Amino acid sequence: MINARRIVLVLAAIAAAAALAGCGESDQVIVYQQGKYQGKPDTRPWDNAPGTDGTYTTSKWNKGDKSSWESALRTRSQNQNEYVRIGD
């Protein structure tokens, strides 16, 4: 049979380990520098490639070509226009 004292010791050791687990967390502080943007720089939307798998993307444009991106955007918004879709 398992000794009751051993069970209590094992449970106490688990509780102590769980209590000490949060002590190792360090502070996460951002050092702000005046006048400097520290985030990820944005890119222009037409510099991104359209979805290659075709699962979620129906728009097609050439990467880096602003006019083809605008044309794809216009086409997409016309496909979402209910008045155009019903033929009125």
C-alpha atoms as a PDB file:
ATOM      1  CA  MET A   1       0.000   0.000   0.000  1.00  0.00           C
ATOM      2  CA  ILE A   2       1.050   3.548  -0.635  1.00  0.00           C
ATOM      3  CA  ASN A   3       1.907   5.388   2.490  1.00  0.00           C
ATOM      4  CA  ALA A   4      -0.355   8.388   3.241  1.00  0.00           C
ATOM      5  CA  ARG A   5       2.642  10.348   4.413  1.00  0.00           C
ATOM      6  CA  ARG A   6       4.317   9.884   1.036  1.00  0.00           C
ATOM      7  CA  ILE A   7       1.198  11.158  -0.773  1.00  0.00           C
ATOM      8  CA  VAL A   8       1.121  14.252   1.420  1.00  0.00           C
ATOM      9  CA  LEU A   9       4.816  14.896   0.723  1.00  0.00           C
ATOM     10  CA  VAL A  10       4.345  14.521  -3.036  1.00  0.00           C
ATOM     11  CA  LEU A  11       1.342  16.874  -3.018  1.00  0.00           C
ATOM     12  CA  ALA A  12       3.280  19.400  -0.915  1.00  0.00           C
ATOM     13  CA  ALA A  13       6.205  19.238  -3.360  1.00  0.00           C
ATOM     14  CA  ILE A  14       3.855  19.805  -6.332  1.00  0.00           C
ATOM     15  CA  ALA A  15       2.207  22.744  -4.546  1.00  0.00           C
ATOM     16  CA  ALA A  16       5.599  24.279  -3.753  1.00  0.00           C
ATOM     17  CA  ALA A  17       6.760  23.876  -7.354  1.00  0.00           C
ATOM     18  CA  ALA A  18       3.555  25.494  -8.635  1.00  0.00           C
ATOM     19  CA  ALA A  19       3.922  28.389  -6.176  1.00  0.00           C
ATOM     20  CA  LEU A  20       7.510  29.027  -7.242  1.00  0.00           C
ATOM     21  CA  ALA A  21       6.766  28.765 -10.968  1.00  0.00           C
ATOM     22  CA  GLY A  22       5.618  32.396 -11.182  1.00  0.00           C
ATOM     23  CA  CYS A  23       8.732  33.774  -9.493  1.00  0.00           C
ATOM     24  CA  GLY A  24      10.874  33.477 -12.616  1.00  0.00           C
ATOM     25  CA  GLU A  25       8.866  35.948 -14.715  1.00  0.00           C
ATOM     26  CA  SER A  26      10.816  39.058 -15.643  1.00  0.00           C
ATOM     27  CA  ASP A  27       9.409  42.510 -16.341  1.00  0.00           C
ATOM     28  CA  GLN A  28       8.709  43.342 -19.981  1.00  0.00           C
ATOM     29  CA  VAL A  29       9.240  47.082 -20.337  1.00  0.00           C
ATOM     30  CA  ILE A  30       9.691  48.976 -23.582  1.00  0.00           C
ATOM     31  CA  VAL A  31      12.324  51.683 -23.521  1.00  0.00           C
ATOM     32  CA  TYR A  32      10.771  54.631 -25.351  1.00  0.00           C
ATOM     33  CA  GLN A  33      13.041  56.874 -27.382  1.00  0.00           C
ATOM     34  CA  GLN A  34      11.636  60.299 -28.187  1.00  0.00           C
ATOM     35  CA  GLY A  35      10.885  60.759 -31.871  1.00  0.00           C
ATOM     36  CA  LYS A  36      11.680  57.192 -32.940  1.00  0.00           C
ATOM     37  CA  TYR A  37       9.025  54.782 -34.167  1.00  0.00           C
ATOM     38  CA  GLN A  38       9.784  51.359 -32.730  1.00  0.00           C
ATOM     39  CA  GLY A  39       7.081  49.337 -34.453  1.00  0.00           C
ATOM     40  CA  LYS A  40       7.122  47.379 -37.663  1.00  0.00           C
ATOM     41  CA  PRO A  41       7.291  49.660 -40.721  1.00  0.00           C
ATOM     42  CA  ASP A  42       4.286  49.523 -43.014  1.00  0.00           C
ATOM     43  CA  THR A  43       4.617  48.598 -46.647  1.00  0.00           C
ATOM     44  CA  ARG A  44       2.441  49.778 -49.491  1.00  0.00           C
ATOM     45  CA  PRO A  45      -0.452  47.362 -50.157  1.00  0.00           C
ATOM     46  CA  TRP A  46       0.449  46.841 -53.816  1.00  0.00           C
ATOM     47  CA  ASP A  47       3.968  45.748 -52.839  1.00  0.00           C
ATOM     48  CA  ASN A  48       2.534  42.548 -51.372  1.00  0.00           C
ATOM     49  CA  ALA A  49       1.886  39.566 -53.588  1.00  0.00           C
ATOM     50  CA  PRO A  50      -1.731  38.409 -53.954  1.00  0.00           C
ATOM     51  CA  GLY A  51      -2.672  35.125 -52.328  1.00  0.00           C
ATOM     52  CA  THR A  52      -0.982  32.307 -54.166  1.00  0.00           C
ATOM     53  CA  ASP A  53      -3.146  29.399 -53.024  1.00  0.00           C
ATOM     54  CA  GLY A  54      -6.410  30.867 -54.348  1.00  0.00           C
ATOM     55  CA  THR A  55      -8.345  29.679 -51.307  1.00  0.00           C
ATOM     56  CA  TYR A  56      -9.230  33.075 -49.877  1.00  0.00           C
ATOM     57  CA  THR A  57      -8.153  35.403 -52.661  1.00  0.00           C
ATOM     58  CA  THR A  58     -10.032  36.137 -55.843  1.00  0.00           C
ATOM     59  CA  SER A  59      -8.137  39.342 -56.651  1.00  0.00           C
ATOM     60  CA  LYS A  60      -5.202  39.179 -59.013  1.00  0.00           C
ATOM     61  CA  TRP A  61      -2.636  41.928 -59.367  1.00  0.00           C
ATOM     62  CA  ASN A  62       1.016  42.239 -60.185  1.00  0.00           C
ATOM     63  CA  LYS A  63       3.272  42.755 -57.185  1.00  0.00           C
ATOM     64  CA  GLY A  64       4.532  46.335 -57.116  1.00  0.00           C
ATOM     65  CA  ASP A  65       2.044  47.602 -59.745  1.00  0.00           C
ATOM     66  CA  LYS A  66      -0.243  50.195 -58.164  1.00  0.00           C
ATOM     67  CA  SER A  67      -2.638  50.473 -61.109  1.00  0.00           C
ATOM     68  CA  SER A  68      -3.290  46.714 -61.303  1.00  0.00           C
ATOM     69  CA  TRP A  69      -3.859  46.661 -57.522  1.00  0.00           C
ATOM     70  CA  GLU A  70      -6.372  49.517 -57.811  1.00  0.00           C
ATOM     71  CA  SER A  71      -8.098  47.720 -60.667  1.00  0.00           C
ATOM     72  CA  ALA A  72      -8.355  44.522 -58.610  1.00  0.00           C
ATOM     73  CA  LEU A  73      -9.765  46.545 -55.704  1.00  0.00           C
ATOM     74  CA  ARG A  74     -12.364  48.180 -57.969  1.00  0.00           C
ATOM     75  CA  THR A  75     -13.380  44.794 -59.377  1.00  0.00           C
ATOM     76  CA  ARG A  76     -13.697  43.312 -55.921  1.00  0.00           C
ATOM     77  CA  SER A  77     -15.893  46.144 -54.658  1.00  0.00           C
ATOM     78  CA  GLN A  78     -18.123  45.870 -57.746  1.00  0.00           C
ATOM     79  CA  ASN A  79     -18.554  42.146 -57.079  1.00  0.00           C
ATOM     80  CA  GLN A  80     -19.745  43.015 -53.569  1.00  0.00           C
ATOM     81  CA  ASN A  81     -22.240  45.636 -54.793  1.00  0.00           C
ATOM     82  CA  GLU A  82     -25.733  44.140 -54.494  1.00  0.00           C
ATOM     83  CA  TYR A  83     -27.218  46.471 -57.109  1.00  0.00           C
ATOM     84  CA  VAL A  84     -24.711  45.259 -59.685  1.00  0.00           C
ATOM     85  CA  ARG A  85     -25.119  41.604 -58.670  1.00  0.00           C
ATOM     86  CA  ILE A  86     -28.919  41.540 -59.104  1.00  0.00           C
ATOM     87  CA  GLY A  87     -28.750  43.322 -62.472  1.00  0.00           C
ATOM     88  CA  ASP A  88     -30.567  46.541 -61.595  1.00  0.00           C
END
